[in-house]
Amino acid sequence: MTLTASSTQSEVAQIPVTLFSLGTAYGTFTWNGTNGLPVSHRIDIPLFSRYTNLRLFFAQGGLDMHSIRFRLVSTEL
């Protein structure tokens, strides 16, 4: 999974986004001020079922999301 976002806040700002998989926190992406330029963060997520639900929690404002992309890495269990 790749998240791409930008922020116009100062470079010392920290903007966390937590990823939950099936209700459990799986990882946190943190952006700093990007001067409005898109920055991407990537994480590998195991999906054990096609019914796995993913949720993003934005702890604070100031982040402009550009895209969320999924790429199949492996079909092996």
PDB file of N, CA and C in Angstrom:
ATOM      1  N   MET A   1       0.850  -1.164   0.000  1.00  0.00           N
ATOM      2  CA  MET A   1       0.000   0.000   0.000  1.00  0.00           C
ATOM      3  C   MET A   1       0.894   1.224   0.000  1.00  0.00           C
ATOM      4  N   THR A   2       0.585   2.177  -0.847  1.00  0.00           N
ATOM      5  CA  THR A   2       1.338   3.423  -0.917  1.00  0.00           C
ATOM      6  C   THR A   2       0.375   4.589  -0.731  1.00  0.00           C
ATOM      7  N   LEU A   3       0.684   5.455   0.229  1.00  0.00           N
ATOM      8  CA  LEU A   3      -0.088   6.671   0.462  1.00  0.00           C
ATOM      9  C   LEU A   3       0.737   7.848  -0.027  1.00  0.00           C
ATOM     10  N   THR A   4       0.124   8.719  -0.799  1.00  0.00           N
ATOM     11  CA  THR A   4       0.793   9.928  -1.273  1.00  0.00           C
ATOM     12  C   THR A   4      -0.004  11.124  -0.787  1.00  0.00           C
ATOM     13  N   ALA A   5       0.701  12.062  -0.125  1.00  0.00           N
ATOM     14  CA  ALA A   5       0.031  13.237   0.435  1.00  0.00           C
ATOM     15  C   ALA A   5       1.010  14.402   0.484  1.00  0.00           C
ATOM     16  N   SER A   6       0.477  15.580   0.725  1.00  0.00           N
ATOM     17  CA  SER A   6       1.308  16.774   0.869  1.00  0.00           C
ATOM     18  C   SER A   6       0.774  17.621   2.013  1.00  0.00           C
ATOM     19  N   SER A   7       1.627  18.532   2.470  1.00  0.00           N
ATOM     20  CA  SER A   7       1.241  19.432   3.548  1.00  0.00           C
ATOM     21  C   SER A   7       1.923  20.773   3.347  1.00  0.00           C
ATOM     22  N   THR A   8       1.220  21.839   3.673  1.00  0.00           N
ATOM     23  CA  THR A   8       1.808  23.168   3.580  1.00  0.00           C
ATOM     24  C   THR A   8       2.255  23.666   4.948  1.00  0.00           C
ATOM     25  N   GLN A   9       2.193  22.806   5.962  1.00  0.00           N
ATOM     26  CA  GLN A   9       2.647  23.198   7.295  1.00  0.00           C
ATOM     27  C   GLN A   9       4.169  23.279   7.330  1.00  0.00           C
ATOM     28  N   SER A  10       4.720  23.799   8.445  1.00  0.00           N
ATOM     29  CA  SER A  10       6.175  23.950   8.546  1.00  0.00           C
ATOM     30  C   SER A  10       6.868  22.591   8.558  1.00  0.00           C
ATOM     31  N   GLU A  11       8.169  22.594   8.271  1.00  0.00           N
ATOM     32  CA  GLU A  11       8.920  21.346   8.167  1.00  0.00           C
ATOM     33  C   GLU A  11       9.071  20.618   9.499  1.00  0.00           C
ATOM     34  N   VAL A  12       8.832  21.296  10.622  1.00  0.00           N
ATOM     35  CA  VAL A  12       8.938  20.638  11.929  1.00  0.00           C
ATOM     36  C   VAL A  12       7.611  20.009  12.365  1.00  0.00           C
ATOM     37  N   ALA A  13       6.545  20.245  11.601  1.00  0.00           N
ATOM     38  CA  ALA A  13       5.246  19.640  11.914  1.00  0.00           C
ATOM     39  C   ALA A  13       5.313  18.133  11.698  1.00  0.00           C
ATOM     40  N   GLN A  14       4.607  17.389  12.528  1.00  0.00           N
ATOM     41  CA  GLN A  14       4.494  15.950  12.350  1.00  0.00           C
ATOM     42  C   GLN A  14       3.013  15.609  12.232  1.00  0.00           C
ATOM     43  N   ILE A  15       2.651  14.979  11.128  1.00  0.00           N
ATOM     44  CA  ILE A  15       1.254  14.669  10.849  1.00  0.00           C
ATOM     45  C   ILE A  15       1.130  13.153  10.718  1.00  0.00           C
ATOM     46  N   PRO A  16       0.637  12.482  11.774  1.00  0.00           N
ATOM     47  CA  PRO A  16       0.540  11.022  11.727  1.00  0.00           C
ATOM     48  C   PRO A  16      -0.771  10.534  11.124  1.00  0.00           C
ATOM     49  N   VAL A  17      -0.682   9.407  10.416  1.00  0.00           N
ATOM     50  CA  VAL A  17      -1.848   8.693   9.897  1.00  0.00           C
ATOM     51  C   VAL A  17      -1.647   7.234  10.281  1.00  0.00           C
ATOM     52  N   THR A  18      -2.576   6.681  11.072  1.00  0.00           N
ATOM     53  CA  THR A  18      -2.456   5.305  11.538  1.00  0.00           C
ATOM     54  C   THR A  18      -3.307   4.392  10.672  1.00  0.00           C
ATOM     55  N   LEU A  19      -2.727   3.265  10.278  1.00  0.00           N
ATOM     56  CA  LEU A  19      -3.418   2.254   9.483  1.00  0.00           C
ATOM     57  C   LEU A  19      -3.884   1.139  10.411  1.00  0.00           C
ATOM     58  N   PHE A  20      -5.177   0.842  10.359  1.00  0.00           N
ATOM     59  CA  PHE A  20      -5.748  -0.261  11.128  1.00  0.00           C
ATOM     60  C   PHE A  20      -6.150  -1.362  10.156  1.00  0.00           C
ATOM     61  N   SER A  21      -5.818  -2.605  10.498  1.00  0.00           N
ATOM     62  CA  SER A  21      -6.212  -3.765   9.710  1.00  0.00           C
ATOM     63  C   SER A  21      -7.015  -4.679  10.625  1.00  0.00           C
ATOM     64  N   LEU A  22      -8.267  -4.927  10.272  1.00  0.00           N
ATOM     65  CA  LEU A  22      -9.179  -5.730  11.092  1.00  0.00           C
ATOM     66  C   LEU A  22      -9.255  -5.217  12.526  1.00  0.00           C
ATOM     67  N   GLY A  23      -9.262  -3.894  12.692  1.00  0.00           N
ATOM     68  CA  GLY A  23      -9.430  -3.275  13.997  1.00  0.00           C
ATOM     69  C   GLY A  23      -8.168  -3.148  14.825  1.00  0.00           C
ATOM     70  N   THR A  24      -7.036  -3.630  14.334  1.00  0.00           N
ATOM     71  CA  THR A  24      -5.782  -3.563  15.071  1.00  0.00           C
ATOM     72  C   THR A  24      -4.829  -2.602  14.368  1.00  0.00           C
ATOM     73  N   ALA A  25      -4.190  -1.722  15.138  1.00  0.00           N
ATOM     74  CA  ALA A  25      -3.228  -0.794  14.545  1.00  0.00           C
ATOM     75  C   ALA A  25      -2.096  -1.587  13.914  1.00  0.00           C
ATOM     76  N   TYR A  26      -1.844  -1.332  12.640  1.00  0.00           N
ATOM     77  CA  TYR A  26      -0.828  -2.084  11.911  1.00  0.00           C
ATOM     78  C   TYR A  26       0.429  -1.255  11.669  1.00  0.00           C
ATOM     79  N   GLY A  27       0.294   0.048  11.542  1.00  0.00           N
ATOM     80  CA  GLY A  27       1.454   0.908  11.300  1.00  0.00           C
ATOM     81  C   GLY A  27       1.034   2.361  11.262  1.00  0.00           C
ATOM     82  N   THR A  28       2.026   3.244  11.363  1.00  0.00           N
ATOM     83  CA  THR A  28       1.767   4.677  11.324  1.00  0.00           C
ATOM     84  C   THR A  28       2.658   5.325  10.274  1.00  0.00           C
ATOM     85  N   PHE A  29       2.054   6.119   9.425  1.00  0.00           N
ATOM     86  CA  PHE A  29       2.776   6.928   8.453  1.00  0.00           C
ATOM     87  C   PHE A  29       2.878   8.323   9.049  1.00  0.00           C
ATOM     88  N   THR A  30       4.030   8.962   8.945  1.00  0.00           N
ATOM     89  CA  THR A  30       4.184  10.316   9.476  1.00  0.00           C
ATOM     90  C   THR A  30       4.756  11.224   8.404  1.00  0.00           C
ATOM     91  N   TRP A  31       4.042  12.305   8.133  1.00  0.00           N
ATOM     92  CA  TRP A  31       4.504  13.321   7.194  1.00  0.00           C
ATOM     93  C   TRP A  31       4.965  14.533   7.973  1.00  0.00           C
ATOM     94  N   ASN A  32       5.959  15.210   7.447  1.00  0.00           N
ATOM     95  CA  ASN A  32       6.366  16.525   7.928  1.00  0.00           C
ATOM     96  C   ASN A  32       5.862  17.528   6.898  1.00  0.00           C
ATOM     97  N   GLY A  33       6.048  18.804   7.151  1.00  0.00           N
ATOM     98  CA  GLY A  33       5.677  19.793   6.144  1.00  0.00           C
ATOM     99  C   GLY A  33       6.425  19.507   4.859  1.00  0.00           C
ATOM    100  N   THR A  34       5.736  19.515   3.727  1.00  0.00           N
ATOM    101  CA  THR A  34       6.349  19.135   2.449  1.00  0.00           C
ATOM    102  C   THR A  34       6.392  20.301   1.463  1.00  0.00           C
ATOM    103  N   ASN A  35       6.119  21.521   1.935  1.00  0.00           N
ATOM    104  CA  ASN A  35       6.054  22.698   1.056  1.00  0.00           C
ATOM    105  C   ASN A  35       5.071  22.497  -0.091  1.00  0.00           C
ATOM    106  N   GLY A  36       4.031  21.723   0.147  1.00  0.00           N
ATOM    107  CA  GLY A  36       3.000  21.484  -0.855  1.00  0.00           C
ATOM    108  C   GLY A  36       3.344  20.417  -1.877  1.00  0.00           C
ATOM    109  N   LEU A  37       4.528  19.796  -1.766  1.00  0.00           N
ATOM    110  CA  LEU A  37       4.937  18.756  -2.717  1.00  0.00           C
ATOM    111  C   LEU A  37       4.458  17.391  -2.242  1.00  0.00           C
ATOM    112  N   PRO A  38       3.984  16.525  -3.147  1.00  0.00           N
ATOM    113  CA  PRO A  38       3.529  15.194  -2.749  1.00  0.00           C
ATOM    114  C   PRO A  38       4.698  14.317  -2.288  1.00  0.00           C
ATOM    115  N   VAL A  39       4.488  13.612  -1.172  1.00  0.00           N
ATOM    116  CA  VAL A  39       5.468  12.677  -0.625  1.00  0.00           C
ATOM    117  C   VAL A  39       4.755  11.340  -0.425  1.00  0.00           C
ATOM    118  N   SER A  40       5.409  10.232  -0.804  1.00  0.00           N
ATOM    119  CA  SER A  40       4.805   8.901  -0.694  1.00  0.00           C
ATOM    120  C   SER A  40       5.443   8.097   0.436  1.00  0.00           C
ATOM    121  N   HIS A  41       4.617   7.312   1.119  1.00  0.00           N
ATOM    122  CA  HIS A  41       5.063   6.345   2.123  1.00  0.00           C
ATOM    123  C   HIS A  41       4.463   5.000   1.749  1.00  0.00           C
ATOM    124  N   ARG A  42       5.246   3.923   1.945  1.00  0.00           N
ATOM    125  CA  ARG A  42       4.823   2.586   1.523  1.00  0.00           C
ATOM    126  C   ARG A  42       4.929   1.607   2.681  1.00  0.00           C
ATOM    127  N   ILE A  43       3.991   0.643   2.728  1.00  0.00           N
ATOM    128  CA  ILE A  43       4.019  -0.412   3.732  1.00  0.00           C
ATOM    129  C   ILE A  43       3.437  -1.682   3.107  1.00  0.00           C
ATOM    130  N   ASP A  44       3.975  -2.831   3.486  1.00  0.00           N
ATOM    131  CA  ASP A  44       3.424  -4.113   3.037  1.00  0.00           C
ATOM    132  C   ASP A  44       2.392  -4.577   4.058  1.00  0.00           C
ATOM    133  N   ILE A  45       1.222  -4.955   3.579  1.00  0.00           N
ATOM    134  CA  ILE A  45       0.125  -5.381   4.447  1.00  0.00           C
ATOM    135  C   ILE A  45      -0.303  -6.787   4.050  1.00  0.00           C
ATOM    136  N   PRO A  46      -0.241  -7.745   4.982  1.00  0.00           N
ATOM    137  CA  PRO A  46      -0.772  -9.072   4.639  1.00  0.00           C
ATOM    138  C   PRO A  46      -2.304  -9.041   4.681  1.00  0.00           C
ATOM    139  N   LEU A  47      -2.931  -9.480   3.609  1.00  0.00           N
ATOM    140  CA  LEU A  47      -4.390  -9.586   3.545  1.00  0.00           C
ATOM    141  C   LEU A  47      -4.729 -11.066   3.461  1.00  0.00           C
ATOM    142  N   PHE A  48      -5.286 -11.594   4.528  1.00  0.00           N
ATOM    143  CA  PHE A  48      -5.554 -13.025   4.605  1.00  0.00           C
ATOM    144  C   PHE A  48      -6.910 -13.401   4.022  1.00  0.00           C
ATOM    145  N   SER A  49      -7.719 -12.404   3.732  1.00  0.00           N
ATOM    146  CA  SER A  49      -9.045 -12.646   3.184  1.00  0.00           C
ATOM    147  C   SER A  49      -9.434 -11.468   2.304  1.00  0.00           C
ATOM    148  N   ARG A  50     -10.283 -11.713   1.344  1.00  0.00           N
ATOM    149  CA  ARG A  50     -10.762 -10.598   0.531  1.00  0.00           C
ATOM    150  C   ARG A  50     -11.699  -9.693   1.325  1.00  0.00           C
ATOM    151  N   TYR A  51     -12.089 -10.112   2.522  1.00  0.00           N
ATOM    152  CA  TYR A  51     -12.990  -9.330   3.360  1.00  0.00           C
ATOM    153  C   TYR A  51     -12.255  -8.520   4.424  1.00  0.00           C
ATOM    154  N   THR A  52     -10.926  -8.487   4.358  1.00  0.00           N
ATOM    155  CA  THR A  52     -10.139  -7.696   5.310  1.00  0.00           C
ATOM    156  C   THR A  52     -10.518  -6.233   5.176  1.00  0.00           C
ATOM    157  N   ASN A  53     -10.801  -5.597   6.317  1.00  0.00           N
ATOM    158  CA  ASN A  53     -11.139  -4.182   6.250  1.00  0.00           C
ATOM    159  C   ASN A  53      -9.958  -3.367   6.752  1.00  0.00           C
ATOM    160  N   LEU A  54      -9.674  -2.291   6.029  1.00  0.00           N
ATOM    161  CA  LEU A  54      -8.592  -1.377   6.369  1.00  0.00           C
ATOM    162  C   LEU A  54      -9.202  -0.028   6.698  1.00  0.00           C
ATOM    163  N   ARG A  55      -8.608   0.639   7.689  1.00  0.00           N
ATOM    164  CA  ARG A  55      -9.108   1.959   8.096  1.00  0.00           C
ATOM    165  C   ARG A  55      -7.920   2.877   8.319  1.00  0.00           C
ATOM    166  N   LEU A  56      -8.023   4.113   7.872  1.00  0.00           N
ATOM    167  CA  LEU A  56      -7.005   5.125   8.118  1.00  0.00           C
ATOM    168  C   LEU A  56      -7.540   6.102   9.150  1.00  0.00           C
ATOM    169  N   PHE A  57      -6.718   6.404  10.167  1.00  0.00           N
ATOM    170  CA  PHE A  57      -7.098   7.363  11.200  1.00  0.00           C
ATOM    171  C   PHE A  57      -6.177   8.568  11.100  1.00  0.00           C
ATOM    172  N   PHE A  58      -6.762   9.719  10.800  1.00  0.00           N
ATOM    173  CA  PHE A  58      -6.017  10.972  10.705  1.00  0.00           C
ATOM    174  C   PHE A  58      -6.112  11.669  12.058  1.00  0.00           C
ATOM    175  N   ALA A  59      -5.006  11.691  12.803  1.00  0.00           N
ATOM    176  CA  ALA A  59      -5.018  12.232  14.166  1.00  0.00           C
ATOM    177  C   ALA A  59      -5.140  13.750  14.188  1.00  0.00           C
ATOM    178  N   GLN A  60      -4.765  14.408  13.111  1.00  0.00           N
ATOM    179  CA  GLN A  60      -4.893  15.860  13.031  1.00  0.00           C
ATOM    180  C   GLN A  60      -5.034  16.278  11.581  1.00  0.00           C
ATOM    181  N   GLY A  61      -5.409  17.525  11.382  1.00  0.00           N
ATOM    182  CA  GLY A  61      -5.603  18.037  10.032  1.00  0.00           C
ATOM    183  C   GLY A  61      -4.301  18.552   9.432  1.00  0.00           C
ATOM    184  N   GLY A  62      -4.396  19.092   8.230  1.00  0.00           N
ATOM    185  CA  GLY A  62      -3.248  19.693   7.576  1.00  0.00           C
ATOM    186  C   GLY A  62      -2.607  18.835   6.516  1.00  0.00           C
ATOM    187  N   LEU A  63      -3.220  17.693   6.211  1.00  0.00           N
ATOM    188  CA  LEU A  63      -2.657  16.782   5.220  1.00  0.00           C
ATOM    189  C   LEU A  63      -3.612  16.700   4.036  1.00  0.00           C
ATOM    190  N   ASP A  64      -3.087  16.881   2.836  1.00  0.00           N
ATOM    191  CA  ASP A  64      -3.887  16.762   1.617  1.00  0.00           C
ATOM    192  C   ASP A  64      -3.535  15.444   0.947  1.00  0.00           C
ATOM    193  N   MET A  65      -4.480  14.496   0.950  1.00  0.00           N
ATOM    194  CA  MET A  65      -4.238  13.187   0.340  1.00  0.00           C
ATOM    195  C   MET A  65      -4.327  13.308  -1.176  1.00  0.00           C
ATOM    196  N   HIS A  66      -3.373  12.681  -1.864  1.00  0.00           N
ATOM    197  CA  HIS A  66      -3.362  12.674  -3.319  1.00  0.00           C
ATOM    198  C   HIS A  66      -3.804  11.314  -3.861  1.00  0.00           C
ATOM    199  N   SER A  67      -3.275  10.229  -3.269  1.00  0.00           N
ATOM    200  CA  SER A  67      -3.659   8.909  -3.767  1.00  0.00           C
ATOM    201  C   SER A  67      -3.380   7.826  -2.725  1.00  0.00           C
ATOM    202  N   ILE A  68      -4.126   6.746  -2.858  1.00  0.00           N
ATOM    203  CA  ILE A  68      -3.909   5.511  -2.099  1.00  0.00           C
ATOM    204  C   ILE A  68      -3.838   4.410  -3.144  1.00  0.00           C
ATOM    205  N   ARG A  69      -2.724   3.697  -3.185  1.00  0.00           N
ATOM    206  CA  ARG A  69      -2.528   2.662  -4.201  1.00  0.00           C
ATOM    207  C   ARG A  69      -2.225   1.327  -3.547  1.00  0.00           C
ATOM    208  N   PHE A  70      -2.772   0.276  -4.132  1.00  0.00           N
ATOM    209  CA  PHE A  70      -2.522  -1.090  -3.685  1.00  0.00           C
ATOM    210  C   PHE A  70      -1.843  -1.842  -4.815  1.00  0.00           C
ATOM    211  N   ARG A  71      -0.866  -2.669  -4.455  1.00  0.00           N
ATOM    212  CA  ARG A  71      -0.157  -3.489  -5.448  1.00  0.00           C
ATOM    213  C   ARG A  71       0.000  -4.884  -4.873  1.00  0.00           C
ATOM    214  N   LEU A  72      -0.371  -5.900  -5.652  1.00  0.00           N
ATOM    215  CA  LEU A  72      -0.232  -7.279  -5.229  1.00  0.00           C
ATOM    216  C   LEU A  72       1.250  -7.657  -5.262  1.00  0.00           C
ATOM    217  N   VAL A  73       1.761  -8.093  -4.102  1.00  0.00           N
ATOM    218  CA  VAL A  73       3.175  -8.451  -3.991  1.00  0.00           C
ATOM    219  C   VAL A  73       3.358  -9.949  -4.158  1.00  0.00           C
ATOM    220  N   SER A  74       2.472 -10.737  -3.521  1.00  0.00           N
ATOM    221  CA  SER A  74       2.599 -12.188  -3.590  1.00  0.00           C
ATOM    222  C   SER A  74       1.232 -12.825  -3.358  1.00  0.00           C
ATOM    223  N   THR A  75       1.021 -14.000  -3.969  1.00  0.00           N
ATOM    224  CA  THR A  75      -0.216 -14.729  -3.741  1.00  0.00           C
ATOM    225  C   THR A  75       0.024 -15.932  -2.848  1.00  0.00           C
ATOM    226  N   GLU A  76       1.256 -16.116  -2.369  1.00  0.00           N
ATOM    227  CA  GLU A  76       1.585 -17.251  -1.502  1.00  0.00           C
ATOM    228  C   GLU A  76       1.182 -16.947  -0.070  1.00  0.00           C
ATOM    229  N   LEU A  77       0.780 -17.981   0.660  1.00  0.00           N
ATOM    230  CA  LEU A  77       0.418 -17.809   2.058  1.00  0.00           C
ATOM    231  C   LEU A  77       1.585 -18.077   2.944  1.00  0.00           C
TER     232      LEU A  77
END
